[in-house]
Amino acid sequence: MMKQLAVSEWCEWYRHYEASPWGAEVEQLNIARLCAVIANSSGRYKSSLKPADFMPGKPQEQTAADQKNIMKSLMAAQHGT
């Protein structure tokens, strides 16, 4: 059976969500923050990475030079240099 939600109960849930949000977006942001901390502590990046760099979304276009640098980084990581 479906139960209707009273306005007062809806308001209570809304206040709870504002105080402590939940859902996929919040989980993705928390994981992105963790990824940024790990990446920045590795010392392999010249500039600091931000959580936004790890958030799913619109793919970024890569130039041939970008792809070459990514492959160099992967090869260096694999060979421990």
Protein backbone atom coordinates (compact mmCIF):
# COMPACT_ATOMS: atom_id res chain seq x y z
CA MET A 1 0.00 0.00 0.00
CA MET A 2 1.11 3.51 -0.74
CA LYS A 3 1.19 5.97 2.12
CA GLN A 4 1.02 9.70 1.61
CA LEU A 5 3.68 11.78 3.22
CA ALA A 6 2.46 14.57 5.46
CA VAL A 7 3.89 18.03 4.81
CA SER A 8 5.45 18.12 8.25
CA GLU A 9 7.18 14.78 7.67
CA TRP A 10 8.39 15.92 4.23
CA CYS A 11 9.82 19.08 5.82
CA GLU A 12 11.57 16.97 8.43
CA TRP A 13 13.17 14.77 5.75
CA TYR A 14 14.15 17.86 3.76
CA ARG A 15 15.90 19.40 6.78
CA HIS A 16 17.67 16.10 7.41
CA TYR A 17 18.84 15.97 3.77
CA GLU A 18 20.10 19.56 3.92
CA ALA A 19 22.08 18.78 7.07
CA SER A 20 23.50 15.51 5.75
CA PRO A 21 22.89 14.88 2.03
CA TRP A 22 22.90 11.39 0.60
CA GLY A 23 22.81 9.89 -2.87
CA ALA A 24 25.04 9.17 -5.85
CA GLU A 25 26.32 12.73 -6.27
CA VAL A 26 27.53 12.89 -2.68
CA GLU A 27 29.18 9.47 -2.96
CA GLN A 28 30.93 10.50 -6.19
CA LEU A 29 32.18 13.71 -4.59
CA ASN A 30 33.56 11.82 -1.57
CA ILE A 31 35.37 9.35 -3.84
CA ALA A 32 36.69 12.23 -5.98
CA ARG A 33 38.06 13.92 -2.86
CA LEU A 34 39.84 10.72 -1.86
CA CYS A 35 41.27 10.31 -5.37
CA ALA A 36 42.58 13.89 -5.31
CA VAL A 37 44.28 13.33 -1.93
CA ILE A 38 45.93 10.11 -3.14
CA ALA A 39 47.03 11.63 -6.46
CA ASN A 40 48.39 14.80 -4.86
CA SER A 41 50.29 12.85 -2.21
CA SER A 42 51.96 10.69 -4.86
CA GLY A 43 54.19 13.56 -5.96
CA ARG A 44 53.80 12.65 -9.63
CA TYR A 45 51.84 15.71 -10.71
CA LYS A 46 53.30 19.18 -11.22
CA SER A 47 50.07 20.94 -10.25
CA SER A 48 47.53 19.99 -7.61
CA LEU A 49 44.57 17.98 -8.80
CA LYS A 50 41.10 18.87 -7.56
CA PRO A 51 38.14 16.60 -6.80
CA ALA A 52 36.48 18.00 -9.94
CA ASP A 53 39.26 16.34 -11.95
CA PHE A 54 37.91 12.97 -10.82
CA MET A 55 34.19 13.64 -11.12
CA PRO A 56 32.33 11.79 -13.85
CA GLY A 57 30.87 14.02 -16.47
CA LYS A 58 31.53 15.35 -19.90
CA PRO A 59 34.67 13.73 -21.32
CA GLN A 60 37.53 16.11 -21.91
CA GLU A 61 39.04 16.30 -25.37
CA GLN A 62 42.63 15.13 -25.57
CA THR A 63 45.23 16.24 -28.04
CA ALA A 64 47.85 13.88 -29.41
CA ALA A 65 50.35 15.52 -27.05
CA ASP A 66 48.04 14.85 -24.08
CA GLN A 67 47.74 11.19 -25.04
CA LYS A 68 51.51 10.92 -25.48
CA ASN A 69 52.11 12.39 -22.00
CA ILE A 70 49.55 10.01 -20.47
CA MET A 71 51.26 7.02 -22.06
CA LYS A 72 54.68 8.24 -20.85
CA SER A 73 53.29 8.55 -17.31
CA LEU A 74 51.78 5.06 -17.46
CA MET A 75 55.00 3.55 -18.77
CA ALA A 76 57.07 5.35 -16.12
CA ALA A 77 54.72 4.15 -13.38
CA GLN A 78 54.87 0.60 -14.66
CA HIS A 79 58.66 0.62 -14.74
CA GLY A 80 59.04 2.38 -11.40
CA THR A 81 60.67 5.57 -12.63
